Amino acid sequence: MKLTAIKFKIVSNPKRPEEKSIGIITLNRPQALNALDVDMRLELNALLDELKYMNQVRVVILTGEGRAFCAGGDLPSEATPHGNGASELDTGLKGPYKRAMEYFFNDVRHDMLQRMVLKIEGLPQPTIAAINGITVGGGLETTVACDIRIASEKARFTEAGVAAGFVAEVGAAFALPRLIGKGKAIEMILTGDVYNAEQALEMGLVDHVVPHEQLMERALDLAGRIACNPYLSVRRAKELIHMYWSAVRTPERVRRETEAVNEIYRTDDCEEGVLAFNQKRKPTFKGPIYPKYLESNE
């Protein structure tokens, strides 16, 4: 598959320059702060399917192009299922069938994201998130799916789903409490507060904070040290750690999480959150009693 929304290359291990063994995935929509549009989700899914069989790649680094790591979901395009965005679905259908396709296509969009994050978690290679800037929602959850997180001093983090009318998805409810504790995870998810790199380090959301200009150098150095270790030992060690880490994250629970995401996305409050974001204003949420369903006294 031709890659346009992401870039991928295999580079030399700085500890063993003769050995090309480190894969670098770069989210490549800097004009949109690397928001996860459909193309990016599709390309990441396809690349990750191939990557797990690339035995020459011993460690994978994931980073972003420009000033953001990832701004989460691509809300301008996600307005489409609510009827508030220009549809890119060329189905040839008209009327109610066209509306139904756009409505249920949102389920596919979230399924693609869920699959992508699970594939990152399931890669046999150790993964390092080199977090270069703004990291929001699905972008934050993508970093959490990585094994190690190194943040630039310029990085900023927010789990903005609930505050924007959505819900934190793709494992945030499972992984964040394990990383930063239940209380801090609930606070982060329910408030949408923004945390800087040092705060993220203090609460255990990231493992290292480095000067911005040294981010990739430090990520490559760590990747190189890991890649110098025995191939099978590294892979089996990661496999065992993940076996215990994911012991309670069953397929059934992943399915329930996805159902919750799709249910919430169809609410009026979610529609308001998308509109407010695109119109650059603060949202006004009115659920669970939506005024449009109340009888008028007139």
C-alpha atoms as a PDB file:
ATOM      1  CA  MET A   1       0.000   0.000   0.000  1.00  0.00           C
ATOM      2  CA  LYS A   2       1.265   3.485  -0.880  1.00  0.00           C
ATOM      3  CA  LEU A   3       1.775   5.538   2.281  1.00  0.00           C
ATOM      4  CA  THR A   4       0.718   9.191   2.313  1.00  0.00           C
ATOM      5  CA  ALA A   5      -0.676   9.845   5.811  1.00  0.00           C
ATOM      6  CA  ILE A   6       2.292   8.118   7.465  1.00  0.00           C
ATOM      7  CA  LYS A   7       5.954   7.498   6.644  1.00  0.00           C
ATOM      8  CA  PHE A   8       8.007   4.401   7.398  1.00  0.00           C
ATOM      9  CA  LYS A   9      11.699   3.655   7.144  1.00  0.00           C
ATOM     10  CA  ILE A  10      14.207   1.164   8.530  1.00  0.00           C
ATOM     11  CA  VAL A  11      17.411   2.744   9.848  1.00  0.00           C
ATOM     12  CA  SER A  12      20.704   1.597  11.280  1.00  0.00           C
ATOM     13  CA  ASN A  13      21.175   0.740  14.928  1.00  0.00           C
ATOM     14  CA  PRO A  14      23.432   3.528  16.277  1.00  0.00           C
ATOM     15  CA  LYS A  15      25.193   0.882  18.367  1.00  0.00           C
ATOM     16  CA  ARG A  16      25.746  -1.315  15.305  1.00  0.00           C
ATOM     17  CA  PRO A  17      25.816   0.963  12.237  1.00  0.00           C
ATOM     18  CA  GLU A  18      26.183  -1.982   9.873  1.00  0.00           C
ATOM     19  CA  GLU A  19      22.832  -3.380  11.070  1.00  0.00           C
ATOM     20  CA  LYS A  20      19.565  -1.823   9.829  1.00  0.00           C
ATOM     21  CA  SER A  21      17.205  -2.998  12.538  1.00  0.00           C
ATOM     22  CA  ILE A  22      15.134  -0.039  13.786  1.00  0.00           C
ATOM     23  CA  GLY A  23      11.819   0.866  12.177  1.00  0.00           C
ATOM     24  CA  ILE A  24      10.532   4.438  12.418  1.00  0.00           C
ATOM     25  CA  ILE A  25       6.838   5.196  11.822  1.00  0.00           C
ATOM     26  CA  THR A  26       6.065   8.910  11.438  1.00  0.00           C
ATOM     27  CA  LEU A  27       2.500  10.234  11.521  1.00  0.00           C
ATOM     28  CA  ASN A  28       2.550  12.558   8.527  1.00  0.00           C
ATOM     29  CA  ARG A  29      -0.365  14.992   8.518  1.00  0.00           C
ATOM     30  CA  PRO A  30       1.365  17.994  10.138  1.00  0.00           C
ATOM     31  CA  GLN A  31      -1.145  20.432   8.633  1.00  0.00           C
ATOM     32  CA  ALA A  32      -3.825  18.672  10.717  1.00  0.00           C
ATOM     33  CA  LEU A  33      -1.600  18.088  13.763  1.00  0.00           C
ATOM     34  CA  ASN A  34      -1.386  14.435  12.672  1.00  0.00           C
ATOM     35  CA  ALA A  35      -5.046  13.818  13.464  1.00  0.00           C
ATOM     36  CA  LEU A  36      -6.123  10.228  12.837  1.00  0.00           C
ATOM     37  CA  ASP A  37      -8.212  10.457   9.684  1.00  0.00           C
ATOM     38  CA  VAL A  38      -9.419   7.402   7.766  1.00  0.00           C
ATOM     39  CA  ASP A  39      -6.337   7.283   5.523  1.00  0.00           C
ATOM     40  CA  MET A  40      -3.983   7.284   8.512  1.00  0.00           C
ATOM     41  CA  ARG A  41      -5.941   4.543  10.284  1.00  0.00           C
ATOM     42  CA  LEU A  42      -6.014   2.432   7.131  1.00  0.00           C
ATOM     43  CA  GLU A  43      -2.296   2.868   6.421  1.00  0.00           C
ATOM     44  CA  LEU A  44      -1.274   2.139  10.003  1.00  0.00           C
ATOM     45  CA  ASN A  45      -3.408  -1.011  10.045  1.00  0.00           C
ATOM     46  CA  ALA A  46      -1.845  -2.230   6.804  1.00  0.00           C
ATOM     47  CA  LEU A  47       1.731  -1.368   7.822  1.00  0.00           C
ATOM     48  CA  LEU A  48       1.386  -3.010  11.245  1.00  0.00           C
ATOM     49  CA  ASP A  49       0.155  -6.194   9.578  1.00  0.00           C
ATOM     50  CA  GLU A  50       3.371  -6.271   7.542  1.00  0.00           C
ATOM     51  CA  LEU A  51       5.652  -5.062  10.309  1.00  0.00           C
ATOM     52  CA  LYS A  52       5.059  -8.015  12.597  1.00  0.00           C
ATOM     53  CA  TYR A  53       6.660 -10.251   9.955  1.00  0.00           C
ATOM     54  CA  MET A  54       9.685  -7.990   9.356  1.00  0.00           C
ATOM     55  CA  ASN A  55      12.153 -10.013  11.390  1.00  0.00           C
ATOM     56  CA  GLN A  56      15.014  -7.661  10.565  1.00  0.00           C
ATOM     57  CA  VAL A  57      13.176  -4.891  12.483  1.00  0.00           C
ATOM     58  CA  ARG A  58      13.998  -5.424  16.140  1.00  0.00           C
ATOM     59  CA  VAL A  59      12.545  -2.225  17.645  1.00  0.00           C
ATOM     60  CA  VAL A  60       9.890   0.212  16.370  1.00  0.00           C
ATOM     61  CA  ILE A  61       9.779   3.961  17.093  1.00  0.00           C
ATOM     62  CA  LEU A  62       6.519   5.898  16.585  1.00  0.00           C
ATOM     63  CA  THR A  63       6.624   9.697  16.311  1.00  0.00           C
ATOM     64  CA  GLY A  64       4.884  12.645  14.644  1.00  0.00           C
ATOM     65  CA  GLU A  65       5.809  15.117  11.915  1.00  0.00           C
ATOM     66  CA  GLY A  66       5.804  18.801  12.835  1.00  0.00           C
ATOM     67  CA  ARG A  67       4.724  20.269  16.161  1.00  0.00           C
ATOM     68  CA  ALA A  68       2.263  17.550  17.180  1.00  0.00           C
ATOM     69  CA  PHE A  69       2.511  13.875  17.931  1.00  0.00           C
ATOM     70  CA  CYS A  70      -1.201  13.328  17.258  1.00  0.00           C
ATOM     71  CA  ALA A  71      -4.246  15.503  17.861  1.00  0.00           C
ATOM     72  CA  GLY A  72      -6.558  12.491  18.172  1.00  0.00           C
ATOM     73  CA  GLY A  73      -9.521  11.892  15.883  1.00  0.00           C
ATOM     74  CA  ASP A  74      -9.979  14.020  12.778  1.00  0.00           C
ATOM     75  CA  LEU A  75     -13.073  15.908  13.930  1.00  0.00           C
ATOM     76  CA  PRO A  76     -13.729  17.866  10.718  1.00  0.00           C
ATOM     77  CA  SER A  77     -14.269  14.596   8.844  1.00  0.00           C
ATOM     78  CA  GLU A  78     -16.053  12.985  11.806  1.00  0.00           C
ATOM     79  CA  ALA A  79     -18.831  15.566  11.506  1.00  0.00           C
ATOM     80  CA  THR A  80     -20.122  13.654   8.471  1.00  0.00           C
ATOM     81  CA  PRO A  81     -22.175  10.984  10.325  1.00  0.00           C
ATOM     82  CA  HIS A  82     -24.041  13.779  12.128  1.00  0.00           C
ATOM     83  CA  GLY A  83     -24.894  15.437   8.819  1.00  0.00           C
ATOM     84  CA  ASN A  84     -22.646  18.401   9.551  1.00  0.00           C
ATOM     85  CA  GLY A  85     -19.671  17.621   7.333  1.00  0.00           C
ATOM     86  CA  ALA A  86     -19.015  17.189   3.638  1.00  0.00           C
ATOM     87  CA  SER A  87     -19.328  13.476   2.883  1.00  0.00           C
ATOM     88  CA  GLU A  88     -16.399  11.778   1.163  1.00  0.00           C
ATOM     89  CA  LEU A  89     -18.335   8.515   0.796  1.00  0.00           C
ATOM     90  CA  ASP A  90     -18.981   7.942  -2.905  1.00  0.00           C
ATOM     91  CA  THR A  91     -21.366   5.004  -2.602  1.00  0.00           C
ATOM     92  CA  GLY A  92     -23.585   5.856  -5.549  1.00  0.00           C
ATOM     93  CA  LEU A  93     -26.528   5.763  -3.141  1.00  0.00           C
ATOM     94  CA  LYS A  94     -29.062   8.519  -2.571  1.00  0.00           C
ATOM     95  CA  GLY A  95     -31.629   9.412   0.042  1.00  0.00           C
ATOM     96  CA  PRO A  96     -32.068   7.308   3.197  1.00  0.00           C
ATOM     97  CA  TYR A  97     -29.647   4.594   2.074  1.00  0.00           C
ATOM     98  CA  LYS A  98     -26.904   7.177   1.616  1.00  0.00           C
ATOM     99  CA  ARG A  99     -27.673   8.568   5.096  1.00  0.00           C
ATOM    100  CA  ALA A 100     -27.580   5.050   6.568  1.00  0.00           C
ATOM    101  CA  MET A 101     -24.194   4.318   4.994  1.00  0.00           C
ATOM    102  CA  GLU A 102     -22.739   7.542   6.397  1.00  0.00           C
ATOM    103  CA  TYR A 103     -24.279   6.849   9.815  1.00  0.00           C
ATOM    104  CA  PHE A 104     -22.954   3.320  10.168  1.00  0.00           C
ATOM    105  CA  PHE A 105     -19.628   4.088   8.529  1.00  0.00           C
ATOM    106  CA  ASN A 106     -18.725   5.682  11.851  1.00  0.00           C
ATOM    107  CA  ASP A 107     -18.693   2.179  13.372  1.00  0.00           C
ATOM    108  CA  VAL A 108     -16.073   1.189  10.796  1.00  0.00           C
ATOM    109  CA  ARG A 109     -14.023   4.290  11.605  1.00  0.00           C
ATOM    110  CA  HIS A 110     -13.836   3.360  15.298  1.00  0.00           C
ATOM    111  CA  ASP A 111     -13.254  -0.311  14.549  1.00  0.00           C
ATOM    112  CA  MET A 112     -10.236   0.695  12.431  1.00  0.00           C
ATOM    113  CA  LEU A 113      -8.841   2.691  15.370  1.00  0.00           C
ATOM    114  CA  GLN A 114      -9.439  -0.151  17.830  1.00  0.00           C
ATOM    115  CA  ARG A 115      -7.723  -2.643  15.522  1.00  0.00           C
ATOM    116  CA  MET A 116      -4.799  -0.272  14.984  1.00  0.00           C
ATOM    117  CA  VAL A 117      -4.104   0.203  18.680  1.00  0.00           C
ATOM    118  CA  LEU A 118      -4.453  -3.517  19.404  1.00  0.00           C
ATOM    119  CA  LYS A 119      -1.957  -4.200  16.613  1.00  0.00           C
ATOM    120  CA  ILE A 120       0.543  -1.771  18.156  1.00  0.00           C
ATOM    121  CA  GLU A 121       0.132  -3.534  21.505  1.00  0.00           C
ATOM    122  CA  GLY A 122       0.506  -6.908  19.820  1.00  0.00           C
ATOM    123  CA  LEU A 123       3.633  -6.215  17.774  1.00  0.00           C
ATOM    124  CA  PRO A 124       6.367  -8.723  18.626  1.00  0.00           C
ATOM    125  CA  GLN A 125       8.910  -5.908  18.467  1.00  0.00           C
ATOM    126  CA  PRO A 126       9.293  -3.537  21.434  1.00  0.00           C
ATOM    127  CA  THR A 127       7.772  -0.142  20.638  1.00  0.00           C
ATOM    128  CA  ILE A 128       8.920   3.329  21.699  1.00  0.00           C
ATOM    129  CA  ALA A 129       6.695   6.408  21.417  1.00  0.00           C
ATOM    130  CA  ALA A 130       8.871   9.471  20.729  1.00  0.00           C
ATOM    131  CA  ILE A 131       6.323  12.122  21.704  1.00  0.00           C
ATOM    132  CA  ASN A 132       7.301  15.347  19.982  1.00  0.00           C
ATOM    133  CA  GLY A 133       4.393  17.643  20.837  1.00  0.00           C
ATOM    134  CA  ILE A 134       0.627  17.853  21.297  1.00  0.00           C
ATOM    135  CA  THR A 135      -0.890  14.468  22.179  1.00  0.00           C
ATOM    136  CA  VAL A 136      -4.675  14.260  22.440  1.00  0.00           C
ATOM    137  CA  GLY A 137      -7.320  11.532  22.784  1.00  0.00           C
ATOM    138  CA  GLY A 138      -6.620   8.765  20.285  1.00  0.00           C
ATOM    139  CA  GLY A 139      -3.063  10.074  20.018  1.00  0.00           C
ATOM    140  CA  LEU A 140      -2.570   9.689  23.759  1.00  0.00           C
ATOM    141  CA  GLU A 141      -4.060   6.200  23.637  1.00  0.00           C
ATOM    142  CA  THR A 142      -1.671   5.318  20.803  1.00  0.00           C
ATOM    143  CA  THR A 143       1.298   6.279  22.981  1.00  0.00           C
ATOM    144  CA  VAL A 144      -0.116   4.240  25.866  1.00  0.00           C
ATOM    145  CA  ALA A 145      -0.228   1.223  23.521  1.00  0.00           C
ATOM    146  CA  CYS A 146       3.548   1.545  23.061  1.00  0.00           C
ATOM    147  CA  ASP A 147       5.917  -0.190  25.463  1.00  0.00           C
ATOM    148  CA  ILE A 148       8.038   2.860  26.376  1.00  0.00           C
ATOM    149  CA  ARG A 149       7.245   6.577  26.130  1.00  0.00           C
ATOM    150  CA  ILE A 150       9.894   9.283  25.704  1.00  0.00           C
ATOM    151  CA  ALA A 151       8.518  12.832  25.674  1.00  0.00           C
ATOM    152  CA  SER A 152       9.973  16.069  24.404  1.00  0.00           C
ATOM    153  CA  GLU A 153       9.894  18.880  26.932  1.00  0.00           C
ATOM    154  CA  LYS A 154       7.410  20.526  24.523  1.00  0.00           C
ATOM    155  CA  ALA A 155       4.931  17.644  24.725  1.00  0.00           C
ATOM    156  CA  ARG A 156       1.434  18.264  26.064  1.00  0.00           C
ATOM    157  CA  PHE A 157      -1.139  15.607  26.958  1.00  0.00           C
ATOM    158  CA  THR A 158      -4.909  15.572  27.294  1.00  0.00           C
ATOM    159  CA  GLU A 159      -7.590  12.888  27.273  1.00  0.00           C
ATOM    160  CA  ALA A 160     -10.200  15.151  25.715  1.00  0.00           C
ATOM    161  CA  GLY A 161     -12.881  12.636  24.736  1.00  0.00           C
ATOM    162  CA  VAL A 162     -15.449  13.210  27.493  1.00  0.00           C
ATOM    163  CA  ALA A 163     -14.960  16.990  27.503  1.00  0.00           C
ATOM    164  CA  ALA A 164     -15.608  17.011  23.742  1.00  0.00           C
ATOM    165  CA  GLY A 165     -18.754  14.884  23.947  1.00  0.00           C
ATOM    166  CA  PHE A 166     -17.080  11.544  23.173  1.00  0.00           C
ATOM    167  CA  VAL A 167     -15.598   8.925  25.488  1.00  0.00           C
ATOM    168  CA  ALA A 168     -12.020   7.769  25.938  1.00  0.00           C
ATOM    169  CA  GLU A 169     -11.623   4.690  23.777  1.00  0.00           C
ATOM    170  CA  VAL A 170      -9.128   2.077  22.539  1.00  0.00           C
ATOM    171  CA  GLY A 171      -8.036   0.903  25.955  1.00  0.00           C
ATOM    172  CA  ALA A 172      -7.698   4.174  27.850  1.00  0.00           C
ATOM    173  CA  ALA A 173     -10.067   3.009  30.586  1.00  0.00           C
ATOM    174  CA  PHE A 174      -7.972  -0.150  30.943  1.00  0.00           C
ATOM    175  CA  ALA A 175      -4.417   1.114  30.528  1.00  0.00           C
ATOM    176  CA  LEU A 176      -4.412   4.599  32.084  1.00  0.00           C
ATOM    177  CA  PRO A 177      -5.345   3.452  35.623  1.00  0.00           C
ATOM    178  CA  ARG A 178      -2.529   0.892  35.466  1.00  0.00           C
ATOM    179  CA  LEU A 179      -0.034   3.537  34.401  1.00  0.00           C
ATOM    180  CA  ILE A 180      -0.990   6.512  36.558  1.00  0.00           C
ATOM    181  CA  GLY A 181      -3.397   5.132  39.184  1.00  0.00           C
ATOM    182  CA  LYS A 182      -7.172   4.992  39.272  1.00  0.00           C
ATOM    183  CA  GLY A 183      -7.791   8.435  40.774  1.00  0.00           C
ATOM    184  CA  LYS A 184      -5.513  10.355  38.434  1.00  0.00           C
ATOM    185  CA  ALA A 185      -6.834   8.382  35.434  1.00  0.00           C
ATOM    186  CA  ILE A 186     -10.438   9.238  36.322  1.00  0.00           C
ATOM    187  CA  GLU A 187      -9.484  12.896  36.775  1.00  0.00           C
ATOM    188  CA  MET A 188      -7.632  12.965  33.454  1.00  0.00           C
ATOM    189  CA  ILE A 189     -10.432  11.249  31.524  1.00  0.00           C
ATOM    190  CA  LEU A 190     -13.361  13.155  33.057  1.00  0.00           C
ATOM    191  CA  THR A 191     -11.899  16.688  33.049  1.00  0.00           C
ATOM    192  CA  GLY A 192      -9.965  16.923  29.790  1.00  0.00           C
ATOM    193  CA  ASP A 193      -7.236  18.838  31.646  1.00  0.00           C
ATOM    194  CA  VAL A 194      -3.931  19.447  29.839  1.00  0.00           C
ATOM    195  CA  TYR A 195      -0.683  18.146  31.369  1.00  0.00           C
ATOM    196  CA  ASN A 196       2.830  19.198  30.441  1.00  0.00           C
ATOM    197  CA  ALA A 197       5.746  16.814  29.999  1.00  0.00           C
ATOM    198  CA  GLU A 198       7.046  17.112  33.564  1.00  0.00           C
ATOM    199  CA  GLN A 199       3.597  16.481  35.017  1.00  0.00           C
ATOM    200  CA  ALA A 200       3.241  13.462  32.740  1.00  0.00           C
ATOM    201  CA  LEU A 201       6.590  12.144  33.976  1.00  0.00           C
ATOM    202  CA  GLU A 202       5.681  12.716  37.614  1.00  0.00           C
ATOM    203  CA  MET A 203       2.456  10.717  37.356  1.00  0.00           C
ATOM    204  CA  GLY A 204       3.999   7.919  35.292  1.00  0.00           C
ATOM    205  CA  LEU A 205       2.313   8.665  31.969  1.00  0.00           C
ATOM    206  CA  VAL A 206       5.735   8.879  30.276  1.00  0.00           C
ATOM    207  CA  ASP A 207       9.027   7.221  31.184  1.00  0.00           C
ATOM    208  CA  HIS A 208      11.512   9.935  30.129  1.00  0.00           C
ATOM    209  CA  VAL A 209      11.460  13.668  29.339  1.00  0.00           C
ATOM    210  CA  VAL A 210      14.274  15.028  27.175  1.00  0.00           C
ATOM    211  CA  PRO A 211      15.191  18.321  25.467  1.00  0.00           C
ATOM    212  CA  HIS A 212      13.146  18.671  22.294  1.00  0.00           C
ATOM    213  CA  GLU A 213      16.110  18.665  19.921  1.00  0.00           C
ATOM    214  CA  GLN A 214      17.415  15.436  21.480  1.00  0.00           C
ATOM    215  CA  LEU A 215      14.159  13.463  21.249  1.00  0.00           C
ATOM    216  CA  MET A 216      14.938  11.218  18.266  1.00  0.00           C
ATOM    217  CA  GLU A 217      18.578  10.826  19.277  1.00  0.00           C
ATOM    218  CA  ARG A 218      17.523   9.542  22.696  1.00  0.00           C
ATOM    219  CA  ALA A 219      14.811   7.317  21.228  1.00  0.00           C
ATOM    220  CA  LEU A 220      17.289   5.800  18.756  1.00  0.00           C
ATOM    221  CA  ASP A 221      19.845   5.291  21.506  1.00  0.00           C
ATOM    222  CA  LEU A 222      17.328   3.373  23.626  1.00  0.00           C
ATOM    223  CA  ALA A 223      16.100   1.405  20.607  1.00  0.00           C
ATOM    224  CA  GLY A 224      19.706   0.546  19.742  1.00  0.00           C
ATOM    225  CA  ARG A 225      20.463  -0.745  23.221  1.00  0.00           C
ATOM    226  CA  ILE A 226      17.385  -2.969  23.109  1.00  0.00           C
ATOM    227  CA  ALA A 227      18.155  -4.170  19.573  1.00  0.00           C
ATOM    228  CA  CYS A 228      21.655  -5.284  20.631  1.00  0.00           C
ATOM    229  CA  ASN A 229      20.160  -7.897  22.946  1.00  0.00           C
ATOM    230  CA  PRO A 230      19.327 -11.435  21.766  1.00  0.00           C
ATOM    231  CA  TYR A 231      16.489 -11.441  19.246  1.00  0.00           C
ATOM    232  CA  LEU A 232      14.421 -14.231  20.801  1.00  0.00           C
ATOM    233  CA  SER A 233      15.040 -13.124  24.405  1.00  0.00           C
ATOM    234  CA  VAL A 234      13.700  -9.638  23.687  1.00  0.00           C
ATOM    235  CA  ARG A 235      10.587 -10.898  21.932  1.00  0.00           C
ATOM    236  CA  ARG A 236       9.703 -13.538  24.488  1.00  0.00           C
ATOM    237  CA  ALA A 237      10.310 -11.121  27.375  1.00  0.00           C
ATOM    238  CA  LYS A 238       7.877  -8.632  25.822  1.00  0.00           C
ATOM    239  CA  GLU A 239       5.388 -11.427  25.158  1.00  0.00           C
ATOM    240  CA  LEU A 240       5.426 -12.546  28.802  1.00  0.00           C
ATOM    241  CA  ILE A 241       5.113  -9.010  30.172  1.00  0.00           C
ATOM    242  CA  HIS A 242       2.120  -8.358  27.917  1.00  0.00           C
ATOM    243  CA  MET A 243       0.544 -11.675  28.847  1.00  0.00           C
ATOM    244  CA  TYR A 244       0.297 -10.594  32.476  1.00  0.00           C
ATOM    245  CA  TRP A 245      -0.412  -6.926  31.715  1.00  0.00           C
ATOM    246  CA  SER A 246      -3.367  -7.797  29.464  1.00  0.00           C
ATOM    247  CA  ALA A 247      -4.707 -10.652  31.583  1.00  0.00           C
ATOM    248  CA  VAL A 248      -8.054  -8.959  32.197  1.00  0.00           C
ATOM    249  CA  ARG A 249      -8.463  -7.228  28.811  1.00  0.00           C
ATOM    250  CA  THR A 250     -10.547  -9.874  27.123  1.00  0.00           C
ATOM    251  CA  PRO A 251     -12.056  -9.706  23.614  1.00  0.00           C
ATOM    252  CA  GLU A 252     -15.498  -9.410  25.220  1.00  0.00           C
ATOM    253  CA  ARG A 253     -14.431  -6.314  27.155  1.00  0.00           C
ATOM    254  CA  VAL A 254     -12.892  -4.776  24.039  1.00  0.00           C
ATOM    255  CA  ARG A 255     -16.236  -5.367  22.262  1.00  0.00           C
ATOM    256  CA  ARG A 256     -18.170  -3.656  25.068  1.00  0.00           C
ATOM    257  CA  GLU A 257     -15.798  -0.685  24.914  1.00  0.00           C
ATOM    258  CA  THR A 258     -16.365  -0.352  21.163  1.00  0.00           C
ATOM    259  CA  GLU A 259     -20.149  -0.575  21.615  1.00  0.00           C
ATOM    260  CA  ALA A 260     -20.020   2.242  24.179  1.00  0.00           C
ATOM    261  CA  VAL A 261     -18.023   4.429  21.801  1.00  0.00           C
ATOM    262  CA  ASN A 262     -20.474   3.873  18.936  1.00  0.00           C
ATOM    263  CA  GLU A 263     -23.510   4.497  21.178  1.00  0.00           C
ATOM    264  CA  ILE A 264     -22.140   7.778  22.505  1.00  0.00           C
ATOM    265  CA  TYR A 265     -21.116   8.969  19.056  1.00  0.00           C
ATOM    266  CA  ARG A 266     -24.776   8.975  17.983  1.00  0.00           C
ATOM    267  CA  THR A 267     -25.981  11.314  20.742  1.00  0.00           C
ATOM    268  CA  ASP A 268     -26.867  14.976  20.331  1.00  0.00           C
ATOM    269  CA  ASP A 269     -24.199  15.917  22.865  1.00  0.00           C
ATOM    270  CA  CYS A 270     -21.549  14.260  20.735  1.00  0.00           C
ATOM    271  CA  GLU A 271     -22.842  16.127  17.696  1.00  0.00           C
ATOM    272  CA  GLU A 272     -22.590  19.359  19.698  1.00  0.00           C
ATOM    273  CA  GLY A 273     -19.017  18.519  20.706  1.00  0.00           C
ATOM    274  CA  VAL A 274     -17.972  17.992  17.093  1.00  0.00           C
ATOM    275  CA  LEU A 275     -19.704  21.185  15.950  1.00  0.00           C
ATOM    276  CA  ALA A 276     -18.149  23.213  18.773  1.00  0.00           C
ATOM    277  CA  PHE A 277     -14.687  21.954  17.927  1.00  0.00           C
ATOM    278  CA  ASN A 278     -15.073  22.763  14.237  1.00  0.00           C
ATOM    279  CA  GLN A 279     -16.573  26.189  15.049  1.00  0.00           C
ATOM    280  CA  LYS A 280     -13.850  26.864  17.660  1.00  0.00           C
ATOM    281  CA  ARG A 281     -16.269  27.519  20.524  1.00  0.00           C
ATOM    282  CA  LYS A 282     -17.094  25.974  23.879  1.00  0.00           C
ATOM    283  CA  PRO A 283     -19.723  23.200  23.616  1.00  0.00           C
ATOM    284  CA  THR A 284     -23.099  23.341  25.349  1.00  0.00           C
ATOM    285  CA  PHE A 285     -24.193  19.855  26.394  1.00  0.00           C
ATOM    286  CA  LYS A 286     -27.892  19.231  27.205  1.00  0.00           C
ATOM    287  CA  GLY A 287     -28.310  15.489  27.708  1.00  0.00           C
ATOM    288  CA  PRO A 288     -29.771  13.253  28.938  1.00  0.00           C
ATOM    289  CA  ILE A 289     -33.003  15.232  28.482  1.00  0.00           C
ATOM    290  CA  TYR A 290     -32.647  16.728  25.021  1.00  0.00           C
ATOM    291  CA  PRO A 291     -34.880  19.793  24.447  1.00  0.00           C
ATOM    292  CA  LYS A 292     -35.872  18.762  20.917  1.00  0.00           C
ATOM    293  CA  TYR A 293     -37.871  15.839  22.322  1.00  0.00           C
ATOM    294  CA  LEU A 294     -39.830  17.908  24.876  1.00  0.00           C
ATOM    295  CA  GLU A 295     -43.363  18.981  24.038  1.00  0.00           C
ATOM    296  CA  SER A 296     -43.741  22.665  23.396  1.00  0.00           C
ATOM    297  CA  ASN A 297     -46.128  24.636  25.608  1.00  0.00           C
ATOM    298  CA  GLU A 298     -47.011  26.889  22.719  1.00  0.00           C
END
